[in-house]
N, C-alpha and C. Protein backbone atom coordinates (compact mmCIF):
# COMPACT_ATOMS: atom_id res chain seq x y z
N MET A 1 0.78 -1.22 0.00
CA MET A 1 0.06 0.00 0.01
C MET A 1 0.99 1.21 -0.14
N LYS A 2 0.50 2.16 -0.63
CA LYS A 2 1.24 3.57 -0.91
C LYS A 2 0.50 4.38 0.27
N ASN A 3 1.17 4.68 1.40
CA ASN A 3 0.95 6.00 2.13
C ASN A 3 -0.40 5.67 3.00
N VAL A 4 -0.69 4.63 3.21
CA VAL A 4 -2.22 4.20 3.89
C VAL A 4 -1.51 3.09 5.16
N GLU A 5 -1.96 3.59 6.45
CA GLU A 5 -1.98 2.68 7.61
C GLU A 5 -3.27 2.42 8.01
N MET A 6 -3.57 1.21 8.49
CA MET A 6 -4.57 0.63 8.97
C MET A 6 -4.60 -0.05 10.37
N SER A 7 -5.73 0.25 11.11
CA SER A 7 -5.50 -0.49 12.13
C SER A 7 -6.90 -0.74 12.72
N VAL A 8 -7.26 -1.81 13.47
CA VAL A 8 -8.38 -2.09 13.99
C VAL A 8 -8.44 -2.18 15.47
N GLU A 9 -9.27 -1.51 16.08
CA GLU A 9 -9.26 -1.45 17.68
C GLU A 9 -10.58 -1.72 18.09
N GLY A 10 -11.14 -3.14 18.32
CA GLY A 10 -12.54 -3.63 18.69
C GLY A 10 -12.99 -3.85 17.30
N ASN A 11 -14.18 -3.01 16.95
CA ASN A 11 -14.78 -3.35 15.70
C ASN A 11 -14.81 -1.82 14.89
N ILE A 12 -13.57 -1.08 15.10
CA ILE A 12 -13.32 0.21 14.70
C ILE A 12 -12.22 0.25 13.79
N LEU A 13 -12.30 0.39 12.34
CA LEU A 13 -11.26 0.53 11.47
C LEU A 13 -10.77 1.99 11.47
N THR A 14 -9.66 2.09 11.53
CA THR A 14 -8.83 3.63 11.48
C THR A 14 -7.99 3.50 10.11
N ILE A 15 -8.00 4.49 9.45
CA ILE A 15 -7.11 4.70 8.41
C ILE A 15 -6.54 5.98 8.35
N LYS A 16 -5.03 5.97 8.27
CA LYS A 16 -4.56 7.32 8.39
C LYS A 16 -3.65 7.43 6.89
N VAL A 17 -3.67 8.56 6.45
CA VAL A 17 -3.25 8.93 5.28
C VAL A 17 -2.62 10.50 5.35
N ASP A 18 -1.14 10.18 5.00
CA ASP A 18 -0.71 11.81 5.04
C ASP A 18 -0.95 12.53 3.66
N LEU A 19 -1.67 13.53 4.03
CA LEU A 19 -2.18 14.25 2.85
C LEU A 19 -1.12 15.10 2.29
N THR A 20 0.12 15.26 2.77
CA THR A 20 1.04 16.16 2.32
C THR A 20 1.79 15.43 1.21
N ARG A 21 1.91 14.01 0.97
CA ARG A 21 2.70 13.28 0.10
C ARG A 21 1.72 13.09 -1.11
N ASP A 22 2.47 12.76 -2.01
CA ASP A 22 1.80 12.37 -3.52
C ASP A 22 2.74 11.53 -4.12
N PHE A 23 2.28 10.63 -5.17
CA PHE A 23 3.06 9.55 -5.80
C PHE A 23 2.91 10.04 -7.22
N GLY A 24 2.56 11.19 -7.72
CA GLY A 24 2.83 11.34 -9.01
C GLY A 24 1.42 11.22 -9.76
N PRO A 25 1.20 11.37 -11.21
CA PRO A 25 0.10 11.27 -11.75
C PRO A 25 -0.70 9.84 -11.70
N SER A 26 -1.85 9.82 -11.94
CA SER A 26 -2.55 8.46 -12.04
C SER A 26 -2.19 8.07 -13.60
N SER A 27 -2.72 7.01 -13.67
CA SER A 27 -2.28 6.35 -15.24
C SER A 27 -3.04 7.09 -16.38
N SER A 28 -4.19 7.72 -15.86
CA SER A 28 -5.01 8.64 -17.07
C SER A 28 -4.26 10.12 -16.86
N GLY A 29 -3.39 10.45 -16.12
CA GLY A 29 -2.95 11.60 -16.10
C GLY A 29 -3.95 12.66 -15.44
N LYS A 30 -5.01 12.66 -15.22
CA LYS A 30 -5.95 13.52 -14.70
C LYS A 30 -5.95 13.96 -13.36
N THR A 31 -5.29 13.07 -12.46
CA THR A 31 -5.14 13.33 -11.09
C THR A 31 -3.82 12.80 -10.49
N ILE A 32 -3.52 13.48 -9.32
CA ILE A 32 -2.28 13.18 -8.65
C ILE A 32 -2.45 12.32 -7.64
N ILE A 33 -1.91 11.13 -7.27
CA ILE A 33 -2.31 10.09 -6.41
C ILE A 33 -1.60 10.55 -5.24
N ILE A 34 -2.41 10.41 -4.14
CA ILE A 34 -1.97 10.76 -2.69
C ILE A 34 -1.75 9.37 -2.20
N ALA A 35 -2.73 8.68 -2.08
CA ALA A 35 -2.67 7.48 -1.39
C ALA A 35 -3.30 6.22 -2.13
N SER A 36 -3.06 4.84 -2.12
CA SER A 36 -3.84 3.94 -2.51
C SER A 36 -3.59 2.42 -1.90
N SER A 37 -4.51 1.92 -1.76
CA SER A 37 -4.28 0.50 -1.45
C SER A 37 -3.97 -0.57 -2.42
N GLU A 38 -3.65 -0.04 -3.80
CA GLU A 38 -3.37 -0.79 -4.86
C GLU A 38 -4.31 -1.98 -4.75
N GLY A 39 -5.34 -1.67 -4.89
CA GLY A 39 -6.67 -2.87 -5.27
C GLY A 39 -7.13 -3.12 -3.79
N ASN A 40 -7.99 -4.10 -3.96
CA ASN A 40 -8.77 -4.54 -2.51
C ASN A 40 -7.39 -5.39 -1.57
N GLN A 41 -7.56 -4.92 -0.28
CA GLN A 41 -6.82 -5.54 0.66
C GLN A 41 -7.48 -5.94 2.06
N SER A 42 -7.12 -6.95 2.48
CA SER A 42 -7.67 -7.55 3.68
C SER A 42 -7.51 -6.61 4.85
N VAL A 43 -8.64 -6.39 5.55
CA VAL A 43 -8.49 -5.56 7.15
C VAL A 43 -7.54 -6.31 7.93
N PRO A 44 -6.68 -5.66 8.43
CA PRO A 44 -5.69 -6.38 9.54
C PRO A 44 -6.72 -7.00 10.63
N GLY A 45 -6.36 -8.36 10.63
CA GLY A 45 -7.03 -9.08 11.72
C GLY A 45 -8.42 -9.49 11.29
N LYS A 46 -8.87 -9.17 10.11
CA LYS A 46 -10.16 -9.55 9.76
C LYS A 46 -10.17 -9.93 8.05
N GLU A 47 -9.43 -10.88 7.86
CA GLU A 47 -9.13 -11.14 6.34
C GLU A 47 -10.30 -11.36 5.57
N ALA A 48 -11.47 -11.69 6.03
CA ALA A 48 -12.60 -11.70 5.21
C ALA A 48 -13.20 -10.47 4.74
N ILE A 49 -12.89 -9.46 5.31
CA ILE A 49 -13.27 -8.05 5.19
C ILE A 49 -12.10 -7.36 4.15
N LYS A 50 -12.65 -6.62 3.25
CA LYS A 50 -11.75 -6.25 2.20
C LYS A 50 -11.97 -4.47 1.89
N ILE A 51 -11.05 -3.90 1.63
CA ILE A 51 -11.00 -2.38 1.49
C ILE A 51 -10.44 -2.15 0.37
N GLY A 52 -10.86 -0.94 -0.36
CA GLY A 52 -10.02 -0.50 -1.81
C GLY A 52 -10.12 1.08 -1.43
N LEU A 53 -8.85 1.48 -1.51
CA LEU A 53 -8.86 2.79 -1.09
C LEU A 53 -8.04 3.71 -2.10
N ASN A 54 -8.63 4.83 -2.61
CA ASN A 54 -7.95 5.55 -3.52
C ASN A 54 -8.12 7.02 -2.92
N VAL A 55 -7.09 7.73 -2.63
CA VAL A 55 -6.90 9.02 -2.37
C VAL A 55 -6.20 10.04 -3.48
N TYR A 56 -6.93 11.03 -3.95
CA TYR A 56 -6.22 11.75 -5.33
C TYR A 56 -6.67 13.18 -5.00
N LYS A 57 -6.00 13.93 -5.97
CA LYS A 57 -6.62 15.43 -6.06
C LYS A 57 -6.33 15.69 -7.70
N LYS A 58 -7.13 16.72 -7.95
CA LYS A 58 -7.09 17.40 -9.50
C LYS A 58 -5.70 17.74 -9.65
N LYS A 59 -5.38 17.30 -10.92
CA LYS A 59 -3.84 17.83 -11.30
C LYS A 59 -3.88 19.53 -11.58
């Protein structure tokens, strides 16, 4: 994952993303990628639960 931290406490999923970082343009070139789970990923400790996350801004 790029710039994504996930943790689970009880039944609460917390996602942390540093909004000051970027990883350059998306494949279409229309946006700048800030963070990505790079596809669907399992939630820590809850393997049956998946998350897909993309954080981006307009170019």
